[in-house]
Amino acid sequence: MSEANQRIKVSAGTLQALGIRKSRVDATSTTAYLLSEGECQNRCSFCAQATSSQAKANVLGRISWPEQDIQSIAAKIETAYQQKRVRRTCLQVVRNPEAKQYIEEVVGAITQQSTIPICVSADINSLDEIQDLLDMGVEKVSIALDAVNPKIFQSVKGGSLEHRLKLLTTAAQYFPNRMSTHLIVGLGETEQEMVEMIDRLLQKHITIALFAFTPIKGTALQFQPAPVIGHYRRVQIALYLLMNHKTQYEHLQFDTAGKIIDFGLTKHQIVEVLLDTSGKAFETTGCDDCNRPYYNEKPGKTLYNYPYALNVEQVKQAILDAEIIDVSDLKS
């Protein structure tokens, strides 16, 4: 392993979960989040790691990622895994010529010491690359779509949405239940466009990690606002209902602006599902045991994705935030 590749970026929350740093938090990471070293050659307008970004190099989302020694982190991950403090490792890899070797080194370091499930999110361009990752011992491979509108995709990421989507869906056929993706709410798409994509992906049994767009200082989209909470909550509800076969896309209705106005269920049925499941719809989505604490928001602020189980009052507030019912409906 080269000297340059002996280091890896580790999220601040992961350092706390692994016992390396102490901090007062109300939600501990249940996944160990790792980020590769080096500069990214992609130009994603929302990302602090983009080659065009002026943001700090140790930032992704709202999270800081201090550098650590790979072998030391691998050992800490195994200890935390045995103690059930973390239950998964997620490696996010920036695009550069060293990416493949870097993945091999990091995954190798972890699998030599642990059987913890590993997810890799990287710039994948072929089925062979996915097979290589699975052969290394990776459990899940993520091809992040991020944007769901073709024009927005071209604008904020570059390239063709349909090309990336075809690779992802084809991979899902070849590697059942091993593929995942990221979708970002708030890049300018309508709720209808987002939910239509969600339905297409669920039909292919692709795991979806839903994010709220987060403006990061120094990125091209630093002045674009985050989505309003009602918009995000409606998408969360649609994702949950579709994923758990409580409704069908064909039963949803949208207004002329693409806003969800009917989920194909009565208001009473929606409230019953959301309350009976303790607001699972509003928790972080993605791979099993992925909770991404405060990736999209500051502690103390309204949470887009809850990194822990909600209490009854939080569930009720999230339902009200969705603006699909009023208080009287919730009390009835």
C-alpha atoms as a PDB file:
ATOM      1  CA  MET A   1       0.000   0.000   0.000  1.00  0.00           C
ATOM      2  CA  SER A   2       1.445   3.364  -0.999  1.00  0.00           C
ATOM      3  CA  GLU A   3       2.129   5.962   1.667  1.00  0.00           C
ATOM      4  CA  ALA A   4      -0.513   8.258   0.182  1.00  0.00           C
ATOM      5  CA  ASN A   5      -3.121   5.545   0.448  1.00  0.00           C
ATOM      6  CA  GLN A   6      -2.452   4.725   4.090  1.00  0.00           C
ATOM      7  CA  ARG A   7      -4.945   7.400   5.074  1.00  0.00           C
ATOM      8  CA  ILE A   8      -8.707   7.544   4.825  1.00  0.00           C
ATOM      9  CA  LYS A   9     -11.310  10.147   5.714  1.00  0.00           C
ATOM     10  CA  VAL A  10     -13.728   9.116   8.448  1.00  0.00           C
ATOM     11  CA  SER A  11     -16.922  10.970   9.341  1.00  0.00           C
ATOM     12  CA  ALA A  12     -16.942  12.756  12.677  1.00  0.00           C
ATOM     13  CA  GLY A  13     -19.921  10.671  13.792  1.00  0.00           C
ATOM     14  CA  THR A  14     -18.081   7.472  12.932  1.00  0.00           C
ATOM     15  CA  LEU A  15     -15.092   8.524  15.031  1.00  0.00           C
ATOM     16  CA  GLN A  16     -17.480   8.924  17.943  1.00  0.00           C
ATOM     17  CA  ALA A  17     -19.138   5.551  17.277  1.00  0.00           C
ATOM     18  CA  LEU A  18     -15.745   3.836  17.105  1.00  0.00           C
ATOM     19  CA  GLY A  19     -14.663   5.377  20.406  1.00  0.00           C
ATOM     20  CA  ILE A  20     -11.863   7.435  18.847  1.00  0.00           C
ATOM     21  CA  ARG A  21     -13.399  10.792  19.731  1.00  0.00           C
ATOM     22  CA  LYS A  22     -15.855  11.764  22.415  1.00  0.00           C
ATOM     23  CA  SER A  23     -18.760  14.065  21.684  1.00  0.00           C
ATOM     24  CA  ARG A  24     -22.221  14.713  23.062  1.00  0.00           C
ATOM     25  CA  VAL A  25     -24.724  13.425  20.530  1.00  0.00           C
ATOM     26  CA  ASP A  26     -28.307  12.206  20.684  1.00  0.00           C
ATOM     27  CA  ALA A  27     -27.834   9.860  17.724  1.00  0.00           C
ATOM     28  CA  THR A  28     -24.852   7.583  17.198  1.00  0.00           C
ATOM     29  CA  SER A  29     -23.843   6.332  13.747  1.00  0.00           C
ATOM     30  CA  THR A  30     -24.829   2.705  13.281  1.00  0.00           C
ATOM     31  CA  THR A  31     -22.724   2.549  10.107  1.00  0.00           C
ATOM     32  CA  ALA A  32     -19.019   3.380   9.811  1.00  0.00           C
ATOM     33  CA  TYR A  33     -18.801   6.018   7.069  1.00  0.00           C
ATOM     34  CA  LEU A  34     -15.528   6.251   5.143  1.00  0.00           C
ATOM     35  CA  LEU A  35     -14.462   8.593   2.334  1.00  0.00           C
ATOM     36  CA  SER A  36     -11.548   7.999  -0.027  1.00  0.00           C
ATOM     37  CA  GLU A  37      -8.525  10.269  -0.247  1.00  0.00           C
ATOM     38  CA  GLY A  38      -7.621  12.302  -3.332  1.00  0.00           C
ATOM     39  CA  GLU A  39      -9.325  14.865  -5.528  1.00  0.00           C
ATOM     40  CA  CYS A  40     -12.542  14.009  -7.349  1.00  0.00           C
ATOM     41  CA  GLN A  41     -12.657  14.570 -11.107  1.00  0.00           C
ATOM     42  CA  ASN A  42     -16.445  14.831 -11.183  1.00  0.00           C
ATOM     43  CA  ARG A  43     -18.080  18.258 -11.268  1.00  0.00           C
ATOM     44  CA  CYS A  44     -21.296  17.660  -9.310  1.00  0.00           C
ATOM     45  CA  SER A  45     -22.630  21.120  -8.499  1.00  0.00           C
ATOM     46  CA  PHE A  46     -23.946  20.123  -5.068  1.00  0.00           C
ATOM     47  CA  CYS A  47     -20.844  18.309  -3.819  1.00  0.00           C
ATOM     48  CA  ALA A  48     -17.979  19.690  -1.736  1.00  0.00           C
ATOM     49  CA  GLN A  49     -15.653  17.073  -3.255  1.00  0.00           C
ATOM     50  CA  ALA A  50     -16.237  18.216  -6.860  1.00  0.00           C
ATOM     51  CA  THR A  51     -13.243  19.427  -8.832  1.00  0.00           C
ATOM     52  CA  SER A  52     -15.032  22.750  -9.309  1.00  0.00           C
ATOM     53  CA  SER A  53     -15.798  23.162  -5.598  1.00  0.00           C
ATOM     54  CA  GLN A  54     -14.164  25.779  -3.385  1.00  0.00           C
ATOM     55  CA  ALA A  55     -15.427  24.061  -0.238  1.00  0.00           C
ATOM     56  CA  LYS A  56     -13.163  22.523   2.365  1.00  0.00           C
ATOM     57  CA  ALA A  57     -11.677  19.218   1.196  1.00  0.00           C
ATOM     58  CA  ASN A  58     -12.684  17.403   4.390  1.00  0.00           C
ATOM     59  CA  VAL A  59     -16.409  18.112   3.991  1.00  0.00           C
ATOM     60  CA  LEU A  60     -19.166  15.977   2.449  1.00  0.00           C
ATOM     61  CA  GLY A  61     -22.789  16.864   3.073  1.00  0.00           C
ATOM     62  CA  ARG A  62     -22.788  18.782   6.346  1.00  0.00           C
ATOM     63  CA  ILE A  63     -20.228  16.395   7.827  1.00  0.00           C
ATOM     64  CA  SER A  64     -16.507  16.833   8.455  1.00  0.00           C
ATOM     65  CA  TRP A  65     -14.259  13.889   7.618  1.00  0.00           C
ATOM     66  CA  PRO A  66     -10.917  13.897   9.493  1.00  0.00           C
ATOM     67  CA  GLU A  67      -8.116  11.740   8.098  1.00  0.00           C
ATOM     68  CA  GLN A  68      -7.185   8.516   9.864  1.00  0.00           C
ATOM     69  CA  ASP A  69      -4.901   5.515   9.335  1.00  0.00           C
ATOM     70  CA  ILE A  70      -6.622   2.794   7.305  1.00  0.00           C
ATOM     71  CA  GLN A  71      -5.324  -0.209   9.250  1.00  0.00           C
ATOM     72  CA  SER A  72      -6.151   1.392  12.587  1.00  0.00           C
ATOM     73  CA  ILE A  73      -9.674   2.246  11.448  1.00  0.00           C
ATOM     74  CA  ALA A  74     -10.212  -1.294  10.123  1.00  0.00           C
ATOM     75  CA  ALA A  75      -9.286  -2.693  13.545  1.00  0.00           C
ATOM     76  CA  LYS A  76     -11.572  -0.226  15.312  1.00  0.00           C
ATOM     77  CA  ILE A  77     -14.431  -1.142  12.971  1.00  0.00           C
ATOM     78  CA  GLU A  78     -14.074  -4.834  13.809  1.00  0.00           C
ATOM     79  CA  THR A  79     -14.076  -4.111  17.544  1.00  0.00           C
ATOM     80  CA  ALA A  80     -17.166  -1.918  17.231  1.00  0.00           C
ATOM     81  CA  TYR A  81     -18.851  -4.529  15.021  1.00  0.00           C
ATOM     82  CA  GLN A  82     -18.264  -7.283  17.574  1.00  0.00           C
ATOM     83  CA  GLN A  83     -19.673  -5.009  20.271  1.00  0.00           C
ATOM     84  CA  LYS A  84     -22.674  -4.215  18.024  1.00  0.00           C
ATOM     85  CA  ARG A  85     -21.913  -0.482  18.087  1.00  0.00           C
ATOM     86  CA  VAL A  86     -21.732  -0.368  14.283  1.00  0.00           C
ATOM     87  CA  ARG A  87     -23.359  -2.873  11.952  1.00  0.00           C
ATOM     88  CA  ARG A  88     -22.198  -1.801   8.491  1.00  0.00           C
ATOM     89  CA  THR A  89     -19.383   0.023   6.691  1.00  0.00           C
ATOM     90  CA  CYS A  90     -20.057   2.470   3.852  1.00  0.00           C
ATOM     91  CA  LEU A  91     -17.124   3.493   1.651  1.00  0.00           C
ATOM     92  CA  GLN A  92     -17.684   6.497  -0.610  1.00  0.00           C
ATOM     93  CA  VAL A  93     -15.066   6.795  -3.321  1.00  0.00           C
ATOM     94  CA  VAL A  94     -14.254   9.913  -5.323  1.00  0.00           C
ATOM     95  CA  ARG A  95     -13.535   9.565  -9.022  1.00  0.00           C
ATOM     96  CA  ASN A  96      -9.837   9.599  -9.934  1.00  0.00           C
ATOM     97  CA  PRO A  97      -7.307   7.229 -11.579  1.00  0.00           C
ATOM     98  CA  GLU A  98      -6.361   5.685  -8.221  1.00  0.00           C
ATOM     99  CA  ALA A  99      -9.935   4.849  -7.215  1.00  0.00           C
ATOM    100  CA  LYS A 100      -9.911   1.141  -8.113  1.00  0.00           C
ATOM    101  CA  GLN A 101      -6.657   0.431  -6.301  1.00  0.00           C
ATOM    102  CA  TYR A 102      -7.842   2.463  -3.341  1.00  0.00           C
ATOM    103  CA  ILE A 103     -11.048   0.437  -3.070  1.00  0.00           C
ATOM    104  CA  GLU A 104      -9.076  -2.810  -3.190  1.00  0.00           C
ATOM    105  CA  GLU A 105      -6.794  -1.598  -0.403  1.00  0.00           C
ATOM    106  CA  VAL A 106      -9.533  -0.360   1.894  1.00  0.00           C
ATOM    107  CA  VAL A 107     -11.915  -3.271   1.358  1.00  0.00           C
ATOM    108  CA  GLY A 108      -8.989  -5.654   1.758  1.00  0.00           C
ATOM    109  CA  ALA A 109      -7.942  -4.033   5.028  1.00  0.00           C
ATOM    110  CA  ILE A 110     -11.471  -4.359   6.395  1.00  0.00           C
ATOM    111  CA  THR A 111     -12.246  -7.889   5.174  1.00  0.00           C
ATOM    112  CA  GLN A 112      -8.933  -9.180   6.546  1.00  0.00           C
ATOM    113  CA  GLN A 113     -10.094  -8.216  10.013  1.00  0.00           C
ATOM    114  CA  SER A 114     -13.893  -8.273   9.925  1.00  0.00           C
ATOM    115  CA  THR A 115     -17.025  -9.776   8.404  1.00  0.00           C
ATOM    116  CA  ILE A 116     -18.962  -6.507   8.710  1.00  0.00           C
ATOM    117  CA  PRO A 117     -21.192  -5.853   5.648  1.00  0.00           C
ATOM    118  CA  ILE A 118     -19.606  -3.332   3.277  1.00  0.00           C
ATOM    119  CA  CYS A 119     -21.282  -0.961   0.835  1.00  0.00           C
ATOM    120  CA  VAL A 120     -19.255   0.874  -1.806  1.00  0.00           C
ATOM    121  CA  SER A 121     -20.495   3.972  -3.615  1.00  0.00           C
ATOM    122  CA  ALA A 122     -18.217   4.797  -6.532  1.00  0.00           C
ATOM    123  CA  ASP A 123     -18.052   5.913 -10.159  1.00  0.00           C
ATOM    124  CA  ILE A 124     -19.094   2.585 -11.689  1.00  0.00           C
ATOM    125  CA  ASN A 125     -19.208   2.213 -15.467  1.00  0.00           C
ATOM    126  CA  SER A 126     -19.630  -1.494 -16.191  1.00  0.00           C
ATOM    127  CA  LEU A 127     -21.055  -4.754 -14.907  1.00  0.00           C
ATOM    128  CA  ASP A 128     -17.516  -6.128 -14.703  1.00  0.00           C
ATOM    129  CA  GLU A 129     -16.586  -3.418 -12.212  1.00  0.00           C
ATOM    130  CA  ILE A 130     -19.548  -4.375 -10.060  1.00  0.00           C
ATOM    131  CA  GLN A 131     -18.597  -8.050 -10.237  1.00  0.00           C
ATOM    132  CA  ASP A 132     -15.058  -7.148  -9.154  1.00  0.00           C
ATOM    133  CA  LEU A 133     -16.413  -5.341  -6.098  1.00  0.00           C
ATOM    134  CA  LEU A 134     -18.662  -8.239  -5.148  1.00  0.00           C
ATOM    135  CA  ASP A 135     -15.734 -10.624  -5.573  1.00  0.00           C
ATOM    136  CA  MET A 136     -13.736  -8.484  -3.126  1.00  0.00           C
ATOM    137  CA  GLY A 137     -16.390  -9.111  -0.489  1.00  0.00           C
ATOM    138  CA  VAL A 138     -18.530  -6.010  -0.945  1.00  0.00           C
ATOM    139  CA  GLU A 139     -22.165  -6.703  -0.038  1.00  0.00           C
ATOM    140  CA  LYS A 140     -23.839  -3.741  -1.748  1.00  0.00           C
ATOM    141  CA  VAL A 141     -22.806  -1.469  -4.637  1.00  0.00           C
ATOM    142  CA  SER A 142     -24.255   2.000  -5.080  1.00  0.00           C
ATOM    143  CA  ILE A 143     -24.542   3.895  -8.351  1.00  0.00           C
ATOM    144  CA  ALA A 144     -25.753   7.321  -7.247  1.00  0.00           C
ATOM    145  CA  LEU A 145     -28.252   8.899  -9.610  1.00  0.00           C
ATOM    146  CA  ASP A 146     -28.834  11.905  -7.317  1.00  0.00           C
ATOM    147  CA  ALA A 147     -30.949  13.841  -9.842  1.00  0.00           C
ATOM    148  CA  VAL A 148     -34.092  12.371 -11.437  1.00  0.00           C
ATOM    149  CA  ASN A 149     -34.857  14.981 -14.102  1.00  0.00           C
ATOM    150  CA  PRO A 150     -32.712  14.522 -17.270  1.00  0.00           C
ATOM    151  CA  LYS A 151     -32.061  18.248 -17.769  1.00  0.00           C
ATOM    152  CA  ILE A 152     -31.217  18.780 -14.110  1.00  0.00           C
ATOM    153  CA  PHE A 153     -28.973  15.709 -14.164  1.00  0.00           C
ATOM    154  CA  GLN A 154     -27.074  17.125 -17.142  1.00  0.00           C
ATOM    155  CA  SER A 155     -26.797  20.505 -15.439  1.00  0.00           C
ATOM    156  CA  VAL A 156     -25.646  19.443 -11.968  1.00  0.00           C
ATOM    157  CA  LYS A 157     -23.734  16.229 -12.760  1.00  0.00           C
ATOM    158  CA  GLY A 158     -23.055  16.136 -16.478  1.00  0.00           C
ATOM    159  CA  GLY A 159     -23.759  13.195 -18.743  1.00  0.00           C
ATOM    160  CA  SER A 160     -26.938  11.268 -19.405  1.00  0.00           C
ATOM    161  CA  LEU A 161     -29.429  10.248 -16.733  1.00  0.00           C
ATOM    162  CA  GLU A 162     -30.834   7.498 -18.947  1.00  0.00           C
ATOM    163  CA  HIS A 163     -27.355   6.062 -19.493  1.00  0.00           C
ATOM    164  CA  ARG A 164     -26.696   5.860 -15.741  1.00  0.00           C
ATOM    165  CA  LEU A 165     -30.184   4.558 -15.070  1.00  0.00           C
ATOM    166  CA  LYS A 166     -29.803   1.825 -17.677  1.00  0.00           C
ATOM    167  CA  LEU A 167     -26.542   0.667 -16.098  1.00  0.00           C
ATOM    168  CA  LEU A 168     -28.142   0.663 -12.649  1.00  0.00           C
ATOM    169  CA  THR A 169     -31.269  -1.243 -13.666  1.00  0.00           C
ATOM    170  CA  THR A 170     -29.303  -3.729 -15.773  1.00  0.00           C
ATOM    171  CA  ALA A 171     -26.976  -4.317 -12.836  1.00  0.00           C
ATOM    172  CA  ALA A 172     -29.990  -4.925 -10.609  1.00  0.00           C
ATOM    173  CA  GLN A 173     -31.073  -7.719 -12.959  1.00  0.00           C
ATOM    174  CA  TYR A 174     -27.622  -9.340 -12.989  1.00  0.00           C
ATOM    175  CA  PHE A 175     -26.988  -8.827  -9.273  1.00  0.00           C
ATOM    176  CA  PRO A 176     -30.370  -9.077  -7.505  1.00  0.00           C
ATOM    177  CA  ASN A 177     -30.675  -7.197  -4.202  1.00  0.00           C
ATOM    178  CA  ARG A 178     -27.059  -6.018  -4.386  1.00  0.00           C
ATOM    179  CA  MET A 179     -27.605  -2.591  -5.954  1.00  0.00           C
ATOM    180  CA  SER A 180     -28.506   0.726  -4.378  1.00  0.00           C
ATOM    181  CA  THR A 181     -28.674   4.386  -5.340  1.00  0.00           C
ATOM    182  CA  HIS A 182     -28.905   7.894  -3.881  1.00  0.00           C
ATOM    183  CA  LEU A 183     -31.683  10.330  -4.746  1.00  0.00           C
ATOM    184  CA  ILE A 184     -31.526  14.000  -3.746  1.00  0.00           C
ATOM    185  CA  VAL A 185     -34.801  15.829  -3.172  1.00  0.00           C
ATOM    186  CA  GLY A 186     -34.676  19.548  -3.904  1.00  0.00           C
ATOM    187  CA  LEU A 187     -32.526  19.932  -7.014  1.00  0.00           C
ATOM    188  CA  GLY A 188     -35.453  21.415  -8.929  1.00  0.00           C
ATOM    189  CA  GLU A 189     -37.435  18.303  -9.817  1.00  0.00           C
ATOM    190  CA  THR A 190     -41.156  17.984  -9.110  1.00  0.00           C
ATOM    191  CA  GLU A 191     -42.553  15.573  -6.555  1.00  0.00           C
ATOM    192  CA  GLN A 192     -44.089  13.633  -9.427  1.00  0.00           C
ATOM    193  CA  GLU A 193     -40.723  13.230 -11.157  1.00  0.00           C
ATOM    194  CA  MET A 194     -39.103  12.052  -7.934  1.00  0.00           C
ATOM    195  CA  VAL A 195     -41.855   9.588  -7.068  1.00  0.00           C
ATOM    196  CA  GLU A 196     -41.998   8.234 -10.618  1.00  0.00           C
ATOM    197  CA  MET A 197     -38.269   7.474 -10.416  1.00  0.00           C
ATOM    198  CA  ILE A 198     -38.683   5.937  -6.977  1.00  0.00           C
ATOM    199  CA  ASP A 199     -41.336   3.602  -8.360  1.00  0.00           C
ATOM    200  CA  ARG A 200     -39.139   2.587 -11.320  1.00  0.00           C
ATOM    201  CA  LEU A 201     -36.268   1.750  -8.985  1.00  0.00           C
ATOM    202  CA  LEU A 202     -38.406  -0.158  -6.511  1.00  0.00           C
ATOM    203  CA  GLN A 203     -39.773  -2.273  -9.364  1.00  0.00           C
ATOM    204  CA  LYS A 204     -36.165  -3.378  -9.951  1.00  0.00           C
ATOM    205  CA  HIS A 205     -35.582  -4.041  -6.223  1.00  0.00           C
ATOM    206  CA  ILE A 206     -32.973  -1.285  -6.004  1.00  0.00           C
ATOM    207  CA  THR A 207     -32.338   0.088  -2.521  1.00  0.00           C
ATOM    208  CA  ILE A 208     -32.978   3.834  -2.304  1.00  0.00           C
ATOM    209  CA  ALA A 209     -31.172   6.244   0.007  1.00  0.00           C
ATOM    210  CA  LEU A 210     -33.162   9.476   0.080  1.00  0.00           C
ATOM    211  CA  PHE A 211     -31.353  12.755   0.771  1.00  0.00           C
ATOM    212  CA  ALA A 212     -32.482  16.350   1.113  1.00  0.00           C
ATOM    213  CA  PHE A 213     -30.435  18.794  -0.949  1.00  0.00           C
ATOM    214  CA  THR A 214     -28.042  20.605   1.374  1.00  0.00           C
ATOM    215  CA  PRO A 215     -26.442  23.874   0.210  1.00  0.00           C
ATOM    216  CA  ILE A 216     -22.723  23.758   1.007  1.00  0.00           C
ATOM    217  CA  LYS A 217     -20.589  26.904   1.023  1.00  0.00           C
ATOM    218  CA  GLY A 218     -18.072  26.842  -1.804  1.00  0.00           C
ATOM    219  CA  THR A 219     -20.136  24.645  -4.140  1.00  0.00           C
ATOM    220  CA  ALA A 220     -21.850  25.795  -7.326  1.00  0.00           C
ATOM    221  CA  LEU A 221     -25.264  25.387  -5.680  1.00  0.00           C
ATOM    222  CA  GLN A 222     -24.363  27.071  -2.395  1.00  0.00           C
ATOM    223  CA  PHE A 223     -27.144  29.646  -2.772  1.00  0.00           C
ATOM    224  CA  GLN A 224     -29.893  27.218  -3.754  1.00  0.00           C
ATOM    225  CA  PRO A 225     -32.262  26.656  -0.813  1.00  0.00           C
ATOM    226  CA  ALA A 226     -32.869  23.293   0.795  1.00  0.00           C
ATOM    227  CA  PRO A 227     -36.315  21.798   0.081  1.00  0.00           C
ATOM    228  CA  VAL A 228     -39.179  22.942   2.277  1.00  0.00           C
ATOM    229  CA  ILE A 229     -40.020  20.301   4.842  1.00  0.00           C
ATOM    230  CA  GLY A 230     -43.528  19.610   3.497  1.00  0.00           C
ATOM    231  CA  HIS A 231     -42.132  18.772   0.077  1.00  0.00           C
ATOM    232  CA  TYR A 232     -39.633  16.341   1.578  1.00  0.00           C
ATOM    233  CA  ARG A 233     -42.169  14.726   3.915  1.00  0.00           C
ATOM    234  CA  ARG A 234     -44.570  13.985   1.054  1.00  0.00           C
ATOM    235  CA  VAL A 235     -41.810  12.257  -0.904  1.00  0.00           C
ATOM    236  CA  GLN A 236     -40.854  10.260   2.196  1.00  0.00           C
ATOM    237  CA  ILE A 237     -44.444   9.122   2.650  1.00  0.00           C
ATOM    238  CA  ALA A 238     -44.730   8.136  -1.007  1.00  0.00           C
ATOM    239  CA  LEU A 239     -41.473   6.177  -0.828  1.00  0.00           C
ATOM    240  CA  TYR A 240     -42.597   4.314   2.274  1.00  0.00           C
ATOM    241  CA  LEU A 241     -46.055   3.484   0.935  1.00  0.00           C
ATOM    242  CA  LEU A 242     -44.678   2.266  -2.392  1.00  0.00           C
ATOM    243  CA  MET A 243     -41.809   0.327  -0.825  1.00  0.00           C
ATOM    244  CA  ASN A 244     -44.167  -1.465   1.540  1.00  0.00           C
ATOM    245  CA  HIS A 245     -46.881  -2.092  -1.075  1.00  0.00           C
ATOM    246  CA  LYS A 246     -49.446   0.104   0.679  1.00  0.00           C
ATOM    247  CA  THR A 247     -50.241   1.926  -2.557  1.00  0.00           C
ATOM    248  CA  GLN A 248     -49.309   1.937  -6.242  1.00  0.00           C
ATOM    249  CA  TYR A 249     -47.857   4.724  -8.324  1.00  0.00           C
ATOM    250  CA  GLU A 250     -50.889   4.613 -10.617  1.00  0.00           C
ATOM    251  CA  HIS A 251     -53.113   5.463  -7.644  1.00  0.00           C
ATOM    252  CA  LEU A 252     -51.232   8.633  -6.720  1.00  0.00           C
ATOM    253  CA  GLN A 253     -52.510  11.973  -7.970  1.00  0.00           C
ATOM    254  CA  PHE A 254     -50.563  15.171  -8.611  1.00  0.00           C
ATOM    255  CA  ASP A 255     -51.557  18.758  -9.298  1.00  0.00           C
ATOM    256  CA  THR A 256     -50.407  20.720 -12.351  1.00  0.00           C
ATOM    257  CA  ALA A 257     -47.154  21.638 -10.566  1.00  0.00           C
ATOM    258  CA  GLY A 258     -46.362  17.979  -9.890  1.00  0.00           C
ATOM    259  CA  LYS A 259     -47.202  18.157  -6.171  1.00  0.00           C
ATOM    260  CA  ILE A 260     -48.687  15.052  -4.551  1.00  0.00           C
ATOM    261  CA  ILE A 261     -52.336  15.655  -3.664  1.00  0.00           C
ATOM    262  CA  ASP A 262     -53.519  12.054  -3.215  1.00  0.00           C
ATOM    263  CA  PHE A 263     -51.572   8.951  -2.141  1.00  0.00           C
ATOM    264  CA  GLY A 264     -54.297   6.548  -3.219  1.00  0.00           C
ATOM    265  CA  LEU A 265     -55.406   6.074   0.397  1.00  0.00           C
ATOM    266  CA  THR A 266     -57.844   7.887   2.648  1.00  0.00           C
ATOM    267  CA  LYS A 267     -56.430  10.373   5.143  1.00  0.00           C
ATOM    268  CA  HIS A 268     -57.365   7.988   7.946  1.00  0.00           C
ATOM    269  CA  GLN A 269     -55.496   5.121   6.267  1.00  0.00           C
ATOM    270  CA  ILE A 270     -52.360   7.231   5.790  1.00  0.00           C
ATOM    271  CA  VAL A 271     -52.345   8.381   9.416  1.00  0.00           C
ATOM    272  CA  GLU A 272     -52.970   4.834  10.621  1.00  0.00           C
ATOM    273  CA  VAL A 273     -50.046   3.429   8.612  1.00  0.00           C
ATOM    274  CA  LEU A 274     -47.642   6.161   9.714  1.00  0.00           C
ATOM    275  CA  LEU A 275     -48.606   5.983  13.391  1.00  0.00           C
ATOM    276  CA  ASP A 276     -48.758   2.174  13.551  1.00  0.00           C
ATOM    277  CA  THR A 277     -45.209   1.970  12.152  1.00  0.00           C
ATOM    278  CA  SER A 278     -43.905   4.659  14.558  1.00  0.00           C
ATOM    279  CA  GLY A 279     -43.106   7.010  11.705  1.00  0.00           C
ATOM    280  CA  LYS A 280     -40.710   4.647   9.967  1.00  0.00           C
ATOM    281  CA  ALA A 281     -41.327   6.644   6.784  1.00  0.00           C
ATOM    282  CA  PHE A 282     -39.455   9.587   8.280  1.00  0.00           C
ATOM    283  CA  GLU A 283     -36.349   7.669   9.332  1.00  0.00           C
ATOM    284  CA  THR A 284     -33.184   7.552   7.244  1.00  0.00           C
ATOM    285  CA  THR A 285     -33.515   5.260   4.229  1.00  0.00           C
ATOM    286  CA  GLY A 286     -30.874   3.232   2.427  1.00  0.00           C
ATOM    287  CA  CYS A 287     -28.947   0.084   3.240  1.00  0.00           C
ATOM    288  CA  ASP A 288     -29.792  -1.803   6.423  1.00  0.00           C
ATOM    289  CA  ASP A 289     -28.463  -0.042   9.541  1.00  0.00           C
ATOM    290  CA  CYS A 290     -27.622   3.184   7.709  1.00  0.00           C
ATOM    291  CA  ASN A 291     -28.797   6.192   9.740  1.00  0.00           C
ATOM    292  CA  ARG A 292     -26.476   9.068   8.594  1.00  0.00           C
ATOM    293  CA  PRO A 293     -26.946  11.316  11.675  1.00  0.00           C
ATOM    294  CA  TYR A 294     -27.222  15.007  10.802  1.00  0.00           C
ATOM    295  CA  TYR A 295     -25.978  14.580   7.245  1.00  0.00           C
ATOM    296  CA  ASN A 296     -28.620  17.011   5.977  1.00  0.00           C
ATOM    297  CA  GLU A 297     -29.253  19.244   8.977  1.00  0.00           C
ATOM    298  CA  LYS A 298     -27.817  20.799  12.127  1.00  0.00           C
ATOM    299  CA  PRO A 299     -28.552  19.281  15.549  1.00  0.00           C
ATOM    300  CA  GLY A 300     -31.543  21.030  17.085  1.00  0.00           C
ATOM    301  CA  LYS A 301     -33.078  21.866  13.710  1.00  0.00           C
ATOM    302  CA  THR A 302     -35.957  20.080  11.981  1.00  0.00           C
ATOM    303  CA  LEU A 303     -34.722  16.684  10.848  1.00  0.00           C
ATOM    304  CA  TYR A 304     -35.285  15.665   7.242  1.00  0.00           C
ATOM    305  CA  ASN A 305     -34.207  12.099   8.045  1.00  0.00           C
ATOM    306  CA  TYR A 306     -34.537  10.901  11.624  1.00  0.00           C
ATOM    307  CA  PRO A 307     -31.442   8.854  12.590  1.00  0.00           C
ATOM    308  CA  TYR A 308     -33.391   7.133  15.363  1.00  0.00           C
ATOM    309  CA  ALA A 309     -36.908   5.868  16.097  1.00  0.00           C
ATOM    310  CA  LEU A 310     -39.460   8.661  16.439  1.00  0.00           C
ATOM    311  CA  ASN A 311     -41.699   9.196  19.441  1.00  0.00           C
ATOM    312  CA  VAL A 312     -45.442   9.697  18.981  1.00  0.00           C
ATOM    313  CA  GLU A 313     -45.268  13.489  19.028  1.00  0.00           C
ATOM    314  CA  GLN A 314     -42.483  13.515  16.434  1.00  0.00           C
ATOM    315  CA  VAL A 315     -44.523  11.239  14.173  1.00  0.00           C
ATOM    316  CA  LYS A 316     -47.556  13.487  14.470  1.00  0.00           C
ATOM    317  CA  GLN A 317     -45.500  16.587  13.726  1.00  0.00           C
ATOM    318  CA  ALA A 318     -43.924  14.932  10.672  1.00  0.00           C
ATOM    319  CA  ILE A 319     -47.398  14.033   9.396  1.00  0.00           C
ATOM    320  CA  LEU A 320     -48.557  17.613   9.887  1.00  0.00           C
ATOM    321  CA  ASP A 321     -45.407  18.890   8.166  1.00  0.00           C
ATOM    322  CA  ALA A 322     -46.434  16.929   5.066  1.00  0.00           C
ATOM    323  CA  GLU A 323     -49.495  19.187   4.758  1.00  0.00           C
ATOM    324  CA  ILE A 324     -51.767  16.357   3.661  1.00  0.00           C
ATOM    325  CA  ILE A 325     -54.075  16.535   6.676  1.00  0.00           C
ATOM    326  CA  ASP A 326     -54.958  19.059   9.366  1.00  0.00           C
ATOM    327  CA  VAL A 327     -54.846  18.733  13.135  1.00  0.00           C
ATOM    328  CA  SER A 328     -58.487  17.639  13.364  1.00  0.00           C
ATOM    329  CA  ASP A 329     -57.796  14.687  11.027  1.00  0.00           C
ATOM    330  CA  LEU A 330     -54.881  13.647  13.221  1.00  0.00           C
ATOM    331  CA  LYS A 331     -56.987  13.707  16.382  1.00  0.00           C
ATOM    332  CA  SER A 332     -59.949  11.835  14.926  1.00  0.00           C
END
